[in-house]
């Protein structure tokens, strides 16, 4: 019996990745989906896409590798802090490792030539492929007829004539294909990556400036609360509500300083692993926290702070919210 080719597909969760699977399922191929999680995007959309397409999906956490790449992407950033070319190459690298472990024959994605201005130009697709280290093994079923044949097409393991030639930003053909395959519900394109959002990107730049070795934990904390820049190059976070407080506390470590106001309703404040505990920084953090509590700004207020399981108390006056906003990272 001739070998049944095996493809490893990168599933973003969008309609295009579902359709790429459906197109390949019309041939006698074995297919495994993989999807990724980082603080910037989650695996669940890809898992749902796999269920819709009817294939097994494996979720991979690539946070640490992603952060190393993010500090100095070879191809730079898009409009915000989105390193799209390097990001896709990293995903293909991880997919390639799975392909080798599973004795697969090719990688595939739902990318469409010309759909995205940065990452889906012809030269960008080639750059991604070369940077990944898997040149000639990355199949894009939706646009394959417009691109150079991959190794599996040349070897006859995948029939090129049964692949597609979709191009550009119009979604008309994808919508028609969805109806053809009986796919009634699917997500709208775009909006899945936090790195494309201006406000989040600004906070991330500040985090990486202050903490070049920032971990996934600290990046995850950026999603919650208000953020302030304190003397001594310290990032200070103040919860906006109970959910923020709970999330920030759950993400905190013994290297952080947690501040609370025991005598008044108050949010949680966190100084993110300060390099040293300077009195000036602690006092500014306490005054900012008071501004967002129910404590009167005109009085001296007791603020409790905890560091490495040691509890301490300081007393200080607050500042107004208008004053605190001069320190806010917006």
Protein backbone atom coordinates (compact mmCIF):
# COMPACT_ATOMS: atom_id res chain seq x y z
CA UNK A 1 0.00 0.00 0.00
CA UNK A 2 1.37 3.48 -0.82
CA UNK A 3 2.19 5.66 2.19
CA UNK A 4 -0.66 7.80 3.49
CA UNK A 5 0.75 11.32 3.85
CA UNK A 6 0.42 13.06 7.21
CA UNK A 7 -0.02 16.81 7.62
CA UNK A 8 0.38 18.91 10.75
CA UNK A 9 -1.88 21.96 10.62
CA UNK A 10 -1.57 25.25 12.50
CA UNK A 11 -5.08 26.19 13.63
CA UNK A 12 -5.66 29.83 14.54
CA UNK A 13 -9.35 29.22 15.12
CA UNK A 14 -10.58 31.29 12.20
CA UNK A 15 -12.60 30.15 9.21
CA UNK A 16 -9.54 29.96 6.94
CA UNK A 17 -7.80 27.36 9.10
CA UNK A 18 -11.01 25.29 9.23
CA UNK A 19 -11.35 25.47 5.45
CA UNK A 20 -7.70 24.47 4.96
CA UNK A 21 -8.46 21.26 6.87
CA UNK A 22 -11.65 20.66 4.89
CA UNK A 23 -9.87 21.04 1.55
CA UNK A 24 -7.21 18.52 2.59
CA UNK A 25 -9.80 16.11 3.97
CA UNK A 26 -11.00 15.60 0.39
CA UNK A 27 -7.76 13.70 -0.18
CA UNK A 28 -6.61 10.51 1.58
CA UNK A 29 -4.48 12.29 4.18
CA UNK A 30 -3.92 11.92 7.90
CA UNK A 31 -4.28 15.28 9.67
CA UNK A 32 -3.35 16.53 13.13
CA UNK A 33 -4.04 20.10 14.26
CA UNK A 34 -1.92 22.11 16.65
CA UNK A 35 -2.72 25.41 18.32
CA UNK A 36 -0.83 27.66 20.69
CA UNK A 37 -1.23 29.59 23.90
CA UNK A 38 0.68 32.63 25.20
CA UNK A 39 -0.39 35.65 27.29
CA UNK A 40 -1.28 37.31 23.95
CA UNK A 41 -3.58 34.68 22.45
CA UNK A 42 -5.16 31.46 23.67
CA UNK A 43 -5.50 27.91 22.38
CA UNK A 44 -9.27 27.58 22.80
CA UNK A 45 -10.24 29.05 19.38
CA UNK A 46 -7.95 26.55 17.67
CA UNK A 47 -9.37 23.69 19.74
CA UNK A 48 -12.90 24.73 18.70
CA UNK A 49 -11.77 24.91 15.06
CA UNK A 50 -10.47 21.36 15.31
CA UNK A 51 -13.82 20.17 16.65
CA UNK A 52 -15.61 21.92 13.79
CA UNK A 53 -13.26 20.38 11.23
CA UNK A 54 -13.39 16.96 12.89
CA UNK A 55 -9.68 16.45 13.60
CA UNK A 56 -7.63 15.91 16.78
CA UNK A 57 -5.88 19.03 18.08
CA UNK A 58 -2.88 19.41 20.35
CA UNK A 59 -2.41 22.67 22.36
CA UNK A 60 1.12 23.92 23.00
CA UNK A 61 2.23 26.63 25.45
CA UNK A 62 5.01 28.62 23.74
CA UNK A 63 5.14 31.55 26.19
CA UNK A 64 8.85 31.50 27.03
CA UNK A 65 9.99 30.98 23.43
CA UNK A 66 7.60 33.69 22.30
CA UNK A 67 8.92 36.22 24.83
CA UNK A 68 12.51 35.56 23.75
CA UNK A 69 11.51 36.21 20.15
CA UNK A 70 9.45 39.27 21.08
CA UNK A 71 12.43 41.07 22.60
CA UNK A 72 14.19 41.21 19.22
CA UNK A 73 12.14 39.98 16.25
CA UNK A 74 14.23 39.71 13.10
CA UNK A 75 11.48 41.18 10.92
CA UNK A 76 10.30 43.82 13.38
CA UNK A 77 6.77 44.77 14.34
CA UNK A 78 3.52 45.66 12.64
CA UNK A 79 1.43 48.67 13.64
CA UNK A 80 1.85 47.92 17.37
CA UNK A 81 3.96 45.17 18.99
CA UNK A 82 2.85 42.39 16.68
CA UNK A 83 5.90 40.56 15.22
CA UNK A 84 3.75 38.70 12.70
CA UNK A 85 6.46 37.20 10.49
CA UNK A 86 8.63 36.03 13.40
CA UNK A 87 5.52 34.81 15.24
CA UNK A 88 4.37 32.65 12.34
CA UNK A 89 7.90 31.31 11.88
CA UNK A 90 8.07 30.34 15.56
CA UNK A 91 4.77 28.50 15.27
CA UNK A 92 6.01 26.64 12.21
CA UNK A 93 9.20 25.72 14.08
CA UNK A 94 7.16 24.17 16.89
CA UNK A 95 4.85 22.56 14.36
CA UNK A 96 7.88 21.18 12.56
CA UNK A 97 9.10 19.50 15.74
CA UNK A 98 5.71 17.82 16.10
CA UNK A 99 5.87 16.80 12.44
CA UNK A 100 9.25 15.13 13.01
CA UNK A 101 8.07 13.41 16.21
CA UNK A 102 4.94 12.14 14.46
CA UNK A 103 6.84 11.18 11.30
CA UNK A 104 4.66 13.56 9.34
CA UNK A 105 5.25 14.77 5.79
CA UNK A 106 4.23 18.42 5.71
CA UNK A 107 2.96 21.44 7.62
CA UNK A 108 -0.05 23.45 6.56
CA UNK A 109 -1.79 26.70 7.50
CA UNK A 110 -4.96 28.56 6.54
CA UNK A 111 -3.03 31.58 5.23
CA UNK A 112 -4.37 33.29 2.11
CA UNK A 113 -2.02 35.11 -0.26
CA UNK A 114 -2.58 38.89 -0.09
CA UNK A 115 -5.07 38.77 2.76
CA UNK A 116 -2.88 40.57 5.34
CA UNK A 117 -0.51 43.39 4.31
CA UNK A 118 2.42 42.42 6.55
CA UNK A 119 2.45 38.66 6.93
CA UNK A 120 0.67 37.28 3.87
CA UNK A 121 2.50 38.88 0.97
CA UNK A 122 4.33 36.44 -1.29
CA UNK A 123 7.74 37.52 0.04
CA UNK A 124 6.51 37.41 3.64
CA UNK A 125 5.21 33.86 3.26
CA UNK A 126 8.59 32.84 1.90
CA UNK A 127 10.42 34.66 4.72
CA UNK A 128 8.29 32.89 7.33
CA UNK A 129 9.02 29.54 5.72
CA UNK A 130 12.77 30.11 5.51
CA UNK A 131 12.99 31.48 9.07
CA UNK A 132 11.15 28.43 10.38
CA UNK A 133 13.72 26.04 8.92
CA UNK A 134 11.07 24.04 7.05
CA UNK A 135 11.37 25.48 3.57
CA UNK A 136 9.44 23.52 0.95
CA UNK A 137 7.31 21.74 3.55
CA UNK A 138 4.70 24.42 4.31
CA UNK A 139 1.50 23.97 2.34
CA UNK A 140 -1.15 26.70 2.14
CA UNK A 141 -4.14 24.79 0.70
CA UNK A 142 -6.33 27.86 0.12
CA UNK A 143 -3.74 29.62 -2.09
CA UNK A 144 -1.51 26.71 -3.13
CA UNK A 145 -2.07 27.09 -6.88
CA UNK A 146 -0.72 30.67 -6.71
CA UNK A 147 2.44 29.63 -4.83
CA UNK A 148 5.45 27.46 -5.63
CA UNK A 149 4.72 23.74 -5.29
CA UNK A 150 5.75 22.20 -1.98
CA UNK A 151 7.72 18.97 -1.70
CA UNK A 152 4.62 16.85 -1.01
CA UNK A 153 2.92 18.24 -4.11
CA UNK A 154 5.97 17.50 -6.27
CA UNK A 155 6.15 13.97 -4.85
CA UNK A 156 2.46 13.38 -5.48
CA UNK A 157 1.57 12.88 -1.81
CA UNK A 158 -0.87 15.80 -2.09
CA UNK A 159 -2.77 16.43 -5.34
CA UNK A 160 -2.06 20.07 -6.26
CA UNK A 161 -5.00 20.13 -8.70
CA UNK A 162 -7.44 19.69 -5.82
CA UNK A 163 -6.07 22.68 -3.92
CA UNK A 164 -7.29 26.28 -4.31
CA UNK A 165 -6.22 29.67 -5.67
CA UNK A 166 -7.84 32.16 -3.27
CA UNK A 167 -6.21 35.61 -3.19
CA UNK A 168 -6.82 38.95 -1.50
CA UNK A 169 -8.95 40.33 1.29
CA UNK A 170 -12.41 39.48 -0.02
CA UNK A 171 -14.11 36.75 2.02
CA UNK A 172 -16.62 35.80 -0.68
CA UNK A 173 -15.04 32.48 -1.64
CA UNK A 174 -14.46 31.49 1.98
CA UNK A 175 -18.13 32.15 2.80
CA UNK A 176 -19.17 30.06 -0.21
CA UNK A 177 -16.86 27.24 0.89
CA UNK A 178 -18.23 27.37 4.43
CA UNK A 179 -21.73 26.85 3.02
CA UNK A 180 -20.43 24.04 0.77
CA UNK A 181 -18.94 22.20 3.75
CA UNK A 182 -21.95 22.85 5.98
CA UNK A 183 -20.10 25.14 8.38
CA UNK A 184 -22.82 27.34 9.80
CA UNK A 185 -21.02 29.20 12.58
CA UNK A 186 -17.50 30.55 12.52
CA UNK A 187 -15.64 33.52 14.05
CA UNK A 188 -15.16 36.77 12.19
CA UNK A 189 -11.55 37.51 11.15
CA UNK A 190 -9.15 39.61 13.24
CA UNK A 191 -9.02 40.83 16.83
CA UNK A 192 -7.52 37.74 18.42
CA UNK A 193 -4.03 38.94 19.32
CA UNK A 194 -3.45 41.35 22.22
CA UNK A 195 -0.22 42.58 20.58
CA UNK A 196 -2.23 44.45 17.94
CA UNK A 197 -4.08 46.52 20.56
CA UNK A 198 -2.57 49.96 21.06
CA UNK A 199 -3.17 50.34 24.82
CA UNK A 200 -1.85 46.89 25.67
CA UNK A 201 1.18 47.35 23.41
CA UNK A 202 2.06 50.60 25.21
CA UNK A 203 1.98 48.87 28.59
CA UNK A 204 4.02 45.97 27.28
CA UNK A 205 6.73 48.32 25.98
CA UNK A 206 6.99 49.87 29.44
CA UNK A 207 7.12 46.45 31.07
CA UNK A 208 9.95 45.26 28.82
CA UNK A 209 11.81 48.53 29.32
CA UNK A 210 11.63 48.16 33.11
CA UNK A 211 11.96 44.37 33.18
CA UNK A 212 13.86 43.06 30.12
CA UNK A 213 13.60 39.55 31.60
CA UNK A 214 9.83 39.76 32.14
CA UNK A 215 8.11 36.39 32.34
CA UNK A 216 4.69 35.26 31.18
CA UNK A 217 3.39 35.93 34.68
CA UNK A 218 4.23 39.63 34.51
CA UNK A 219 2.87 39.95 30.98
CA UNK A 220 -0.38 38.32 32.10
CA UNK A 221 -0.66 40.90 34.91
CA UNK A 222 -0.80 43.69 32.30
CA UNK A 223 -4.36 42.61 31.50
CA UNK A 224 -5.66 43.72 34.89
CA UNK A 225 -5.95 46.97 36.79
CA UNK A 226 -4.44 50.42 36.37
CA UNK A 227 -0.69 50.68 35.82
CA UNK A 228 1.68 53.34 37.15
CA UNK A 229 5.36 54.17 36.76
CA UNK A 230 6.96 54.82 40.17
CA UNK A 231 10.31 56.35 41.18
CA UNK A 232 13.04 53.72 41.14
CA UNK A 233 11.84 52.27 37.81
CA UNK A 234 9.02 50.26 39.35
CA UNK A 235 5.75 49.13 37.82
CA UNK A 236 2.79 49.52 40.20
CA UNK A 237 -0.62 47.97 39.56
CA UNK A 238 -3.92 48.85 41.24
CA UNK A 239 -7.03 46.70 40.79
CA UNK A 240 -10.11 48.30 39.26
CA UNK A 241 -12.57 45.87 40.81
CA UNK A 242 -12.83 42.61 42.75
CA UNK A 243 -11.99 40.52 39.68
CA UNK A 244 -8.80 42.52 39.07
CA UNK A 245 -7.83 42.21 42.72
CA UNK A 246 -8.31 38.45 42.68
CA UNK A 247 -6.43 37.99 39.40
CA UNK A 248 -3.51 40.21 40.44
CA UNK A 249 -3.18 38.52 43.81
CA UNK A 250 -3.25 35.07 42.19
CA UNK A 251 -0.48 36.16 39.80
CA UNK A 252 1.67 37.83 42.47
CA UNK A 253 4.92 36.31 43.72
CA UNK A 254 6.95 36.66 46.91
CA UNK A 255 9.22 39.13 45.07
CA UNK A 256 6.32 41.57 44.66
CA UNK A 257 5.12 44.04 47.29
CA UNK A 258 1.37 43.89 48.02
CA UNK A 259 -0.34 46.97 49.49
CA UNK A 260 -3.76 47.18 51.17
CA UNK A 261 -5.65 49.70 53.27
CA UNK A 262 -7.15 47.72 56.17
CA UNK A 263 -9.47 50.43 57.55
CA UNK A 264 -11.30 51.43 54.34
CA UNK A 265 -12.66 49.69 51.24
CA UNK A 266 -9.64 49.60 48.95
CA UNK A 267 -8.27 47.91 45.86
CA UNK A 268 -5.14 45.77 45.96
CA UNK A 269 -1.88 47.42 44.93
CA UNK A 270 1.16 45.48 43.67
CA UNK A 271 4.70 46.78 43.18
CA UNK A 272 6.08 44.31 40.64
CA UNK A 273 9.35 42.84 42.04
CA UNK A 274 11.02 46.16 42.90
CA UNK A 275 14.83 46.02 42.69
CA UNK A 276 14.99 47.51 46.20
CA UNK A 277 12.48 48.68 48.80
CA UNK A 278 13.04 52.42 48.82
CA UNK A 279 10.96 54.51 51.19
CA UNK A 280 10.14 57.04 48.46
CA UNK A 281 8.73 54.37 46.11
CA UNK A 282 6.69 52.75 48.87
CA UNK A 283 5.21 56.08 49.89
CA UNK A 284 4.26 57.02 46.32
CA UNK A 285 2.66 53.59 45.86
CA UNK A 286 0.70 54.03 49.10
CA UNK A 287 -0.48 57.50 48.09
CA UNK A 288 -1.65 56.23 44.69
CA UNK A 289 -3.51 53.38 46.36
CA UNK A 290 -5.26 55.80 48.70
CA UNK A 291 -6.43 57.82 45.68
CA UNK A 292 -8.42 54.79 44.43
CA UNK A 293 -9.77 53.75 47.83
CA UNK A 294 -12.62 55.12 49.94
CA UNK A 295 -10.13 56.62 52.37
CA UNK A 296 -10.20 60.45 52.75
CA UNK A 297 -7.28 62.02 50.89
CA UNK A 298 -6.99 64.79 53.52
CA UNK A 299 -6.16 62.37 56.39
CA UNK A 300 -3.14 60.28 57.25
CA UNK A 301 -4.03 56.72 56.34
CA UNK A 302 -2.50 53.43 57.45
CA UNK A 303 -1.35 51.30 54.51
CA UNK A 304 -0.27 47.71 55.06
CA UNK A 305 2.39 46.27 52.80
CA UNK A 306 3.60 42.70 52.49
CA UNK A 307 6.90 41.50 51.06
CA UNK A 308 8.22 37.94 51.30
CA UNK A 309 5.55 37.08 53.86
CA UNK A 310 6.56 39.98 56.14
CA UNK A 311 3.80 42.45 56.95
CA UNK A 312 4.58 46.11 57.64
CA UNK A 313 2.53 49.26 58.19
CA UNK A 314 3.14 52.81 57.08
CA UNK A 315 1.09 55.98 57.49
CA UNK A 316 0.82 58.62 54.80
CA UNK A 317 -1.54 61.09 53.19
CA UNK A 318 -3.08 60.35 49.82
CA UNK A 319 -3.00 62.11 46.47
CA UNK A 320 -5.90 63.01 44.22
CA UNK A 321 -6.73 60.86 41.23
CA UNK A 322 -5.77 63.76 38.99
CA UNK A 323 -2.30 63.77 40.55
CA UNK A 324 -2.02 59.99 40.23
CA UNK A 325 -2.78 60.13 36.53
CA UNK A 326 0.54 61.90 35.93
CA UNK A 327 2.16 58.58 36.87
CA UNK A 328 -0.29 56.41 34.94
CA UNK A 329 0.72 54.36 31.91
CA UNK A 330 -2.23 54.79 29.55
